[in-house]
Amino acid sequence: MHPAIGHLLTPRWWLRRRFPPASLVAITAAIGAAERQHGGEIRFAIETCLDLRKLRHADAGRRRALELFSQLRVWDTADNNGVLVYVLLAGHAIHIVADRAFTGRVTADEWSAACRLMEAEFRAGRFEAGAVAGVAAVSALIGRHFPPREGDRNELPDAPVILD
């Protein structure tokens, strides 16, 4: 099936079914708890589907993740150690975009392992559990390089961004 078909056929309510309000609260809490364990920042964004104009590129999901990394100002942390976890439901895709402080510290394979963990849970229908496990995996990678410091402040909102 052509990727655009999935985006056309995925209803907007699908996101709310997979991530109901209670799940969003759990993800927010997981991000808040995770960020108390290290000096980094995590943003979590969920989108149902992409506009057809954005699908003309084979890497449309990754491009959208990079766009959101900028729009959500994940790059704008004091230590350049923000991480965006982007879930695109229609594309069955998860992308992690990490700021420049992670260059040379965390490999693409390590970020991919966090994505695969979430994908496995999502395939089993456990969306909340997958998101929380993904946050924990990303947090562990951040914590290896950015331990918590006295006076650290929460620079980015913890609540997931819902784009439907």
N, C-alpha and C. Protein backbone atom coordinates (compact mmCIF):
# COMPACT_ATOMS: atom_id res chain seq x y z
N MET A 1 0.84 -1.17 0.00
CA MET A 1 0.00 0.00 0.00
C MET A 1 0.89 1.24 0.00
N HIS A 2 0.54 2.22 -0.78
CA HIS A 2 1.28 3.48 -0.85
C HIS A 2 1.15 4.20 0.49
N PRO A 3 2.24 4.78 1.00
CA PRO A 3 2.19 5.45 2.30
C PRO A 3 1.10 6.51 2.42
N ALA A 4 0.80 7.19 1.33
CA ALA A 4 -0.22 8.24 1.39
C ALA A 4 -1.59 7.67 1.73
N ILE A 5 -1.86 6.45 1.32
CA ILE A 5 -3.16 5.83 1.60
C ILE A 5 -3.38 5.72 3.11
N GLY A 6 -2.36 5.28 3.81
CA GLY A 6 -2.47 5.18 5.27
C GLY A 6 -2.77 6.51 5.92
N HIS A 7 -2.16 7.56 5.40
CA HIS A 7 -2.40 8.89 5.96
C HIS A 7 -3.81 9.37 5.63
N LEU A 8 -4.30 9.03 4.47
CA LEU A 8 -5.66 9.42 4.08
C LEU A 8 -6.72 8.66 4.88
N LEU A 9 -6.44 7.41 5.19
CA LEU A 9 -7.44 6.55 5.82
C LEU A 9 -7.39 6.55 7.35
N THR A 10 -6.41 7.18 7.93
CA THR A 10 -6.30 7.18 9.39
C THR A 10 -7.16 8.31 9.96
N PRO A 11 -8.20 7.96 10.70
CA PRO A 11 -9.07 9.01 11.26
C PRO A 11 -8.41 9.74 12.42
N ARG A 12 -8.78 10.98 12.60
CA ARG A 12 -8.20 11.81 13.66
C ARG A 12 -8.49 11.25 15.06
N TRP A 13 -9.65 10.64 15.24
CA TRP A 13 -10.00 10.11 16.55
C TRP A 13 -9.11 8.95 16.96
N TRP A 14 -8.40 8.36 16.00
CA TRP A 14 -7.52 7.22 16.27
C TRP A 14 -6.49 7.58 17.34
N LEU A 15 -5.99 8.80 17.29
CA LEU A 15 -4.99 9.24 18.27
C LEU A 15 -5.61 9.24 19.66
N ARG A 16 -6.80 9.80 19.81
CA ARG A 16 -7.44 9.87 21.13
C ARG A 16 -7.80 8.47 21.65
N ARG A 17 -8.04 7.55 20.78
CA ARG A 17 -8.34 6.17 21.20
C ARG A 17 -7.06 5.51 21.74
N ARG A 18 -5.94 5.74 21.09
CA ARG A 18 -4.69 5.12 21.53
C ARG A 18 -4.03 5.86 22.69
N PHE A 19 -4.26 7.16 22.76
CA PHE A 19 -3.69 7.98 23.82
C PHE A 19 -4.80 8.80 24.48
N PRO A 20 -5.65 8.15 25.29
CA PRO A 20 -6.72 8.89 25.97
C PRO A 20 -6.12 9.83 27.02
N PRO A 21 -6.94 10.72 27.58
CA PRO A 21 -6.42 11.69 28.56
C PRO A 21 -5.61 11.06 29.70
N ALA A 22 -6.05 9.93 30.22
CA ALA A 22 -5.30 9.29 31.31
C ALA A 22 -3.89 8.88 30.86
N SER A 23 -3.76 8.45 29.63
CA SER A 23 -2.44 8.08 29.10
C SER A 23 -1.55 9.31 28.96
N LEU A 24 -2.13 10.41 28.53
CA LEU A 24 -1.35 11.65 28.40
C LEU A 24 -0.85 12.12 29.77
N VAL A 25 -1.69 11.95 30.79
CA VAL A 25 -1.27 12.29 32.16
C VAL A 25 -0.12 11.38 32.59
N ALA A 26 -0.20 10.10 32.28
CA ALA A 26 0.86 9.16 32.64
C ALA A 26 2.17 9.49 31.92
N ILE A 27 2.09 9.87 30.66
CA ILE A 27 3.29 10.25 29.90
C ILE A 27 3.89 11.52 30.48
N THR A 28 3.05 12.49 30.81
CA THR A 28 3.53 13.73 31.43
C THR A 28 4.26 13.42 32.73
N ALA A 29 3.67 12.57 33.56
CA ALA A 29 4.29 12.20 34.83
C ALA A 29 5.62 11.47 34.60
N ALA A 30 5.66 10.59 33.60
CA ALA A 30 6.90 9.86 33.30
C ALA A 30 8.01 10.82 32.87
N ILE A 31 7.66 11.80 32.06
CA ILE A 31 8.66 12.78 31.63
C ILE A 31 9.15 13.59 32.83
N GLY A 32 8.22 14.05 33.66
CA GLY A 32 8.60 14.83 34.85
C GLY A 32 9.52 14.04 35.77
N ALA A 33 9.17 12.78 36.02
CA ALA A 33 9.99 11.94 36.89
C ALA A 33 11.35 11.67 36.25
N ALA A 34 11.36 11.43 34.96
CA ALA A 34 12.62 11.16 34.25
C ALA A 34 13.56 12.35 34.31
N GLU A 35 13.00 13.53 34.11
CA GLU A 35 13.85 14.72 34.07
C GLU A 35 14.43 15.07 35.44
N ARG A 36 13.86 14.54 36.51
CA ARG A 36 14.46 14.75 37.83
C ARG A 36 15.69 13.86 38.02
N GLN A 37 15.89 12.90 37.12
CA GLN A 37 17.01 11.97 37.22
C GLN A 37 18.23 12.39 36.38
N HIS A 38 18.08 13.45 35.61
CA HIS A 38 19.18 13.91 34.75
C HIS A 38 19.03 15.39 34.44
N GLY A 39 19.99 15.92 33.71
CA GLY A 39 19.98 17.34 33.38
C GLY A 39 19.43 17.67 32.01
N GLY A 40 18.83 16.70 31.32
CA GLY A 40 18.30 16.94 29.98
C GLY A 40 16.83 17.26 29.98
N GLU A 41 16.31 17.47 28.77
CA GLU A 41 14.89 17.79 28.57
C GLU A 41 14.31 16.85 27.52
N ILE A 42 13.09 16.38 27.76
CA ILE A 42 12.40 15.48 26.83
C ILE A 42 11.08 16.12 26.42
N ARG A 43 10.82 16.13 25.11
CA ARG A 43 9.50 16.49 24.58
C ARG A 43 8.96 15.27 23.87
N PHE A 44 7.67 15.07 23.95
CA PHE A 44 7.01 13.92 23.33
C PHE A 44 5.88 14.47 22.48
N ALA A 45 5.90 14.19 21.19
CA ALA A 45 4.88 14.69 20.27
C ALA A 45 4.23 13.52 19.55
N ILE A 46 2.90 13.59 19.44
CA ILE A 46 2.14 12.53 18.77
C ILE A 46 1.30 13.18 17.68
N GLU A 47 1.37 12.61 16.49
CA GLU A 47 0.60 13.13 15.36
C GLU A 47 -0.13 11.97 14.68
N THR A 48 -1.39 12.22 14.33
CA THR A 48 -2.18 11.18 13.69
C THR A 48 -1.66 10.87 12.30
N CYS A 49 -1.58 11.90 11.45
CA CYS A 49 -1.16 11.71 10.06
C CYS A 49 -0.59 13.02 9.53
N LEU A 50 0.06 12.92 8.40
CA LEU A 50 0.65 14.10 7.77
C LEU A 50 -0.22 14.58 6.63
N ASP A 51 -0.14 15.86 6.38
CA ASP A 51 -0.78 16.46 5.22
C ASP A 51 -0.14 15.85 3.97
N LEU A 52 -0.93 15.61 2.96
CA LEU A 52 -0.41 14.95 1.75
C LEU A 52 0.75 15.71 1.11
N ARG A 53 0.78 17.01 1.24
CA ARG A 53 1.89 17.78 0.67
C ARG A 53 3.22 17.40 1.30
N LYS A 54 3.20 16.99 2.55
CA LYS A 54 4.43 16.62 3.24
C LYS A 54 4.89 15.21 2.90
N LEU A 55 4.03 14.44 2.27
CA LEU A 55 4.35 13.04 1.98
C LEU A 55 5.11 12.83 0.68
N ARG A 56 5.45 13.89 -0.01
CA ARG A 56 6.15 13.71 -1.29
C ARG A 56 7.60 13.27 -1.11
N HIS A 57 8.09 13.31 0.11
CA HIS A 57 9.46 12.86 0.40
C HIS A 57 9.40 11.51 1.10
N ALA A 58 10.31 10.63 0.74
CA ALA A 58 10.35 9.30 1.35
C ALA A 58 10.60 9.37 2.85
N ASP A 59 11.31 10.39 3.28
CA ASP A 59 11.63 10.55 4.70
C ASP A 59 10.74 11.60 5.36
N ALA A 60 9.47 11.63 4.98
CA ALA A 60 8.54 12.66 5.45
C ALA A 60 8.42 12.68 6.97
N GLY A 61 8.38 11.51 7.60
CA GLY A 61 8.27 11.45 9.05
C GLY A 61 9.47 12.07 9.74
N ARG A 62 10.65 11.75 9.24
CA ARG A 62 11.87 12.31 9.82
C ARG A 62 11.92 13.82 9.62
N ARG A 63 11.54 14.28 8.43
CA ARG A 63 11.50 15.72 8.16
C ARG A 63 10.54 16.42 9.11
N ARG A 64 9.39 15.80 9.34
CA ARG A 64 8.41 16.39 10.25
C ARG A 64 8.97 16.44 11.67
N ALA A 65 9.67 15.41 12.09
CA ALA A 65 10.28 15.40 13.42
C ALA A 65 11.28 16.54 13.56
N LEU A 66 12.09 16.76 12.53
CA LEU A 66 13.06 17.86 12.56
C LEU A 66 12.36 19.21 12.61
N GLU A 67 11.27 19.32 11.86
CA GLU A 67 10.48 20.56 11.86
C GLU A 67 9.92 20.83 13.26
N LEU A 68 9.38 19.81 13.89
CA LEU A 68 8.83 19.97 15.24
C LEU A 68 9.91 20.24 16.27
N PHE A 69 11.07 19.64 16.09
CA PHE A 69 12.20 19.90 16.99
C PHE A 69 12.46 21.40 17.05
N SER A 70 12.39 22.04 15.90
CA SER A 70 12.58 23.48 15.82
C SER A 70 11.37 24.24 16.37
N GLN A 71 10.18 23.90 15.90
CA GLN A 71 8.97 24.61 16.31
C GLN A 71 8.73 24.54 17.81
N LEU A 72 9.01 23.41 18.40
CA LEU A 72 8.79 23.23 19.84
C LEU A 72 9.98 23.73 20.66
N ARG A 73 10.98 24.24 19.98
CA ARG A 73 12.16 24.83 20.61
C ARG A 73 12.93 23.83 21.50
N VAL A 74 12.94 22.60 21.07
CA VAL A 74 13.67 21.58 21.82
C VAL A 74 15.17 21.89 21.79
N TRP A 75 15.61 22.54 20.75
CA TRP A 75 17.02 22.92 20.59
C TRP A 75 17.42 24.04 21.55
N ASP A 76 16.45 24.70 22.16
CA ASP A 76 16.71 25.93 22.91
C ASP A 76 16.86 25.68 24.41
N THR A 77 17.64 24.67 24.78
CA THR A 77 17.91 24.44 26.20
C THR A 77 19.31 24.95 26.52
N ALA A 78 19.53 25.27 27.76
CA ALA A 78 20.80 25.87 28.17
C ALA A 78 22.00 25.01 27.80
N ASP A 79 21.87 23.70 27.94
CA ASP A 79 22.99 22.80 27.66
C ASP A 79 22.87 22.08 26.33
N ASN A 80 21.94 22.52 25.47
CA ASN A 80 21.74 21.89 24.16
C ASN A 80 21.55 20.38 24.28
N ASN A 81 20.76 19.98 25.28
CA ASN A 81 20.56 18.55 25.52
C ASN A 81 19.08 18.18 25.56
N GLY A 82 18.32 18.78 24.67
CA GLY A 82 16.92 18.42 24.52
C GLY A 82 16.76 17.26 23.56
N VAL A 83 15.72 16.46 23.79
CA VAL A 83 15.42 15.31 22.93
C VAL A 83 13.93 15.31 22.62
N LEU A 84 13.61 15.17 21.33
CA LEU A 84 12.22 15.05 20.91
C LEU A 84 11.94 13.60 20.53
N VAL A 85 10.86 13.06 21.08
CA VAL A 85 10.34 11.75 20.67
C VAL A 85 9.07 12.06 19.88
N TYR A 86 9.07 11.69 18.60
CA TYR A 86 7.95 11.99 17.71
C TYR A 86 7.31 10.69 17.25
N VAL A 87 6.01 10.57 17.49
CA VAL A 87 5.24 9.39 17.10
C VAL A 87 4.28 9.80 16.00
N LEU A 88 4.39 9.16 14.84
CA LEU A 88 3.50 9.39 13.71
C LEU A 88 2.66 8.12 13.53
N LEU A 89 1.41 8.19 13.99
CA LEU A 89 0.57 7.00 14.01
C LEU A 89 0.30 6.43 12.63
N ALA A 90 -0.09 7.26 11.67
CA ALA A 90 -0.44 6.76 10.33
C ALA A 90 0.75 6.10 9.65
N GLY A 91 1.92 6.59 9.89
CA GLY A 91 3.11 6.03 9.28
C GLY A 91 3.74 4.92 10.09
N HIS A 92 3.14 4.60 11.25
CA HIS A 92 3.72 3.61 12.16
C HIS A 92 5.19 3.92 12.38
N ALA A 93 5.47 5.19 12.64
CA ALA A 93 6.87 5.63 12.73
C ALA A 93 7.13 6.34 14.05
N ILE A 94 8.32 6.13 14.55
CA ILE A 94 8.80 6.84 15.74
C ILE A 94 10.17 7.39 15.38
N HIS A 95 10.35 8.67 15.64
CA HIS A 95 11.63 9.32 15.36
C HIS A 95 12.10 10.03 16.62
N ILE A 96 13.38 9.93 16.88
CA ILE A 96 13.98 10.65 17.99
C ILE A 96 14.97 11.63 17.40
N VAL A 97 14.83 12.89 17.81
CA VAL A 97 15.75 13.94 17.38
C VAL A 97 16.42 14.48 18.64
N ALA A 98 17.74 14.40 18.68
CA ALA A 98 18.50 14.84 19.84
C ALA A 98 19.33 16.06 19.48
N ASP A 99 19.47 16.95 20.43
CA ASP A 99 20.24 18.18 20.22
C ASP A 99 21.73 17.87 20.11
N ARG A 100 22.48 18.88 19.73
CA ARG A 100 23.90 18.70 19.39
C ARG A 100 24.78 18.24 20.54
N ALA A 101 24.38 18.41 21.78
CA ALA A 101 25.21 17.96 22.90
C ALA A 101 25.36 16.43 22.91
N PHE A 102 24.48 15.74 22.21
CA PHE A 102 24.55 14.27 22.18
C PHE A 102 25.44 13.74 21.06
N THR A 103 25.85 14.61 20.15
CA THR A 103 26.70 14.20 19.04
C THR A 103 27.99 13.59 19.59
N GLY A 104 28.30 12.39 19.14
CA GLY A 104 29.50 11.71 19.60
C GLY A 104 29.35 11.04 20.96
N ARG A 105 28.20 11.20 21.59
CA ARG A 105 27.97 10.59 22.90
C ARG A 105 26.97 9.44 22.83
N VAL A 106 25.90 9.65 22.08
CA VAL A 106 24.86 8.62 21.94
C VAL A 106 24.78 8.28 20.45
N THR A 107 24.86 7.00 20.14
CA THR A 107 24.86 6.58 18.74
C THR A 107 23.43 6.49 18.20
N ALA A 108 23.34 6.49 16.88
CA ALA A 108 22.04 6.32 16.22
C ALA A 108 21.42 4.97 16.61
N ASP A 109 22.25 3.95 16.78
CA ASP A 109 21.74 2.64 17.18
C ASP A 109 21.11 2.67 18.58
N GLU A 110 21.67 3.47 19.46
CA GLU A 110 21.10 3.57 20.81
C GLU A 110 19.74 4.26 20.78
N TRP A 111 19.62 5.33 19.99
CA TRP A 111 18.32 6.00 19.85
C TRP A 111 17.34 5.04 19.17
N SER A 112 17.80 4.30 18.17
CA SER A 112 16.94 3.35 17.46
C SER A 112 16.42 2.26 18.39
N ALA A 113 17.23 1.84 19.34
CA ALA A 113 16.79 0.82 20.29
C ALA A 113 15.61 1.33 21.11
N ALA A 114 15.64 2.60 21.48
CA ALA A 114 14.51 3.19 22.21
C ALA A 114 13.26 3.21 21.33
N CYS A 115 13.44 3.51 20.05
CA CYS A 115 12.31 3.50 19.11
C CYS A 115 11.75 2.09 18.97
N ARG A 116 12.61 1.10 18.84
CA ARG A 116 12.16 -0.29 18.68
C ARG A 116 11.39 -0.77 19.91
N LEU A 117 11.82 -0.35 21.07
CA LEU A 117 11.11 -0.69 22.31
C LEU A 117 9.67 -0.17 22.26
N MET A 118 9.51 1.08 21.86
CA MET A 118 8.17 1.66 21.75
C MET A 118 7.37 0.96 20.67
N GLU A 119 8.00 0.72 19.52
CA GLU A 119 7.30 0.06 18.41
C GLU A 119 6.74 -1.29 18.82
N ALA A 120 7.51 -2.06 19.57
CA ALA A 120 7.06 -3.38 20.01
C ALA A 120 5.83 -3.26 20.90
N GLU A 121 5.85 -2.32 21.81
CA GLU A 121 4.69 -2.11 22.69
C GLU A 121 3.48 -1.63 21.89
N PHE A 122 3.70 -0.72 20.97
CA PHE A 122 2.60 -0.19 20.16
C PHE A 122 1.97 -1.30 19.32
N ARG A 123 2.81 -2.16 18.73
CA ARG A 123 2.28 -3.28 17.93
C ARG A 123 1.39 -4.18 18.77
N ALA A 124 1.70 -4.30 20.05
CA ALA A 124 0.91 -5.13 20.96
C ALA A 124 -0.32 -4.37 21.50
N GLY A 125 -0.49 -3.14 21.05
CA GLY A 125 -1.64 -2.36 21.48
C GLY A 125 -1.45 -1.65 22.81
N ARG A 126 -0.23 -1.63 23.32
CA ARG A 126 0.06 -1.00 24.62
C ARG A 126 0.72 0.36 24.38
N PHE A 127 -0.09 1.33 24.02
CA PHE A 127 0.45 2.63 23.63
C PHE A 127 0.98 3.42 24.82
N GLU A 128 0.24 3.44 25.90
CA GLU A 128 0.73 4.15 27.09
C GLU A 128 2.01 3.51 27.61
N ALA A 129 2.00 2.19 27.74
CA ALA A 129 3.18 1.48 28.23
C ALA A 129 4.37 1.69 27.30
N GLY A 130 4.13 1.70 26.00
CA GLY A 130 5.21 1.94 25.05
C GLY A 130 5.79 3.33 25.17
N ALA A 131 4.92 4.31 25.32
CA ALA A 131 5.39 5.69 25.46
C ALA A 131 6.20 5.86 26.74
N VAL A 132 5.70 5.32 27.84
CA VAL A 132 6.40 5.43 29.12
C VAL A 132 7.74 4.68 29.06
N ALA A 133 7.76 3.51 28.44
CA ALA A 133 9.02 2.77 28.29
C ALA A 133 9.99 3.54 27.41
N GLY A 134 9.49 4.18 26.37
CA GLY A 134 10.34 4.99 25.50
C GLY A 134 10.94 6.16 26.24
N VAL A 135 10.13 6.82 27.05
CA VAL A 135 10.64 7.94 27.87
C VAL A 135 11.73 7.43 28.80
N ALA A 136 11.52 6.28 29.42
CA ALA A 136 12.53 5.72 30.33
C ALA A 136 13.83 5.39 29.58
N ALA A 137 13.71 4.82 28.38
CA ALA A 137 14.90 4.48 27.60
C ALA A 137 15.67 5.73 27.19
N VAL A 138 14.95 6.74 26.73
CA VAL A 138 15.59 8.01 26.35
C VAL A 138 16.23 8.64 27.58
N SER A 139 15.53 8.60 28.70
CA SER A 139 16.05 9.17 29.94
C SER A 139 17.35 8.50 30.37
N ALA A 140 17.42 7.19 30.21
CA ALA A 140 18.64 6.47 30.58
C ALA A 140 19.82 6.93 29.72
N LEU A 141 19.57 7.16 28.44
CA LEU A 141 20.64 7.65 27.55
C LEU A 141 21.06 9.06 27.94
N ILE A 142 20.10 9.90 28.26
CA ILE A 142 20.43 11.27 28.68
C ILE A 142 21.22 11.23 29.98
N GLY A 143 20.77 10.43 30.93
CA GLY A 143 21.39 10.38 32.25
C GLY A 143 22.84 9.93 32.24
N ARG A 144 23.22 9.14 31.25
CA ARG A 144 24.62 8.71 31.15
C ARG A 144 25.56 9.89 30.93
N HIS A 145 25.05 10.94 30.32
CA HIS A 145 25.92 12.05 29.94
C HIS A 145 25.58 13.37 30.64
N PHE A 146 24.38 13.46 31.17
CA PHE A 146 23.95 14.70 31.82
C PHE A 146 23.29 14.38 33.16
N PRO A 147 24.11 14.17 34.19
CA PRO A 147 23.53 13.88 35.50
C PRO A 147 22.78 15.11 36.03
N PRO A 148 21.90 14.90 37.00
CA PRO A 148 21.18 16.06 37.56
C PRO A 148 22.17 16.99 38.26
N ARG A 149 21.84 18.26 38.22
CA ARG A 149 22.69 19.26 38.89
C ARG A 149 21.82 20.10 39.82
N GLU A 150 22.44 20.60 40.83
CA GLU A 150 21.77 21.52 41.74
C GLU A 150 21.26 22.72 40.94
N GLY A 151 20.02 23.07 41.14
CA GLY A 151 19.47 24.24 40.47
C GLY A 151 18.94 23.99 39.07
N ASP A 152 18.98 22.72 38.60
CA ASP A 152 18.40 22.43 37.28
C ASP A 152 16.94 22.87 37.28
N ARG A 153 16.51 23.45 36.19
CA ARG A 153 15.10 23.84 36.10
C ARG A 153 14.48 23.16 34.89
N ASN A 154 13.18 23.04 34.92
CA ASN A 154 12.45 22.43 33.83
C ASN A 154 12.31 23.47 32.72
N GLU A 155 13.03 23.29 31.63
CA GLU A 155 13.07 24.29 30.57
C GLU A 155 11.97 24.12 29.53
N LEU A 156 11.43 22.91 29.40
CA LEU A 156 10.40 22.64 28.39
C LEU A 156 9.21 21.96 29.07
N PRO A 157 8.00 22.19 28.56
CA PRO A 157 6.83 21.53 29.14
C PRO A 157 6.95 20.00 29.08
N ASP A 158 6.42 19.34 30.09
CA ASP A 158 6.46 17.88 30.14
C ASP A 158 5.30 17.22 29.40
N ALA A 159 4.20 17.92 29.25
CA ALA A 159 3.01 17.34 28.63
C ALA A 159 3.26 17.02 27.16
N PRO A 160 2.78 15.87 26.69
CA PRO A 160 2.92 15.55 25.27
C PRO A 160 2.21 16.59 24.40
N VAL A 161 2.76 16.80 23.23
CA VAL A 161 2.15 17.69 22.24
C VAL A 161 1.30 16.81 21.33
N ILE A 162 0.03 17.14 21.22
CA ILE A 162 -0.90 16.38 20.38
C ILE A 162 -1.14 17.17 19.11
N LEU A 163 -0.82 16.58 17.99
CA LEU A 163 -0.96 17.24 16.69
C LEU A 163 -1.95 16.44 15.86
N ASP A 164 -3.20 16.80 15.93
CA ASP A 164 -4.19 16.10 15.11
C ASP A 164 -5.00 17.14 14.40
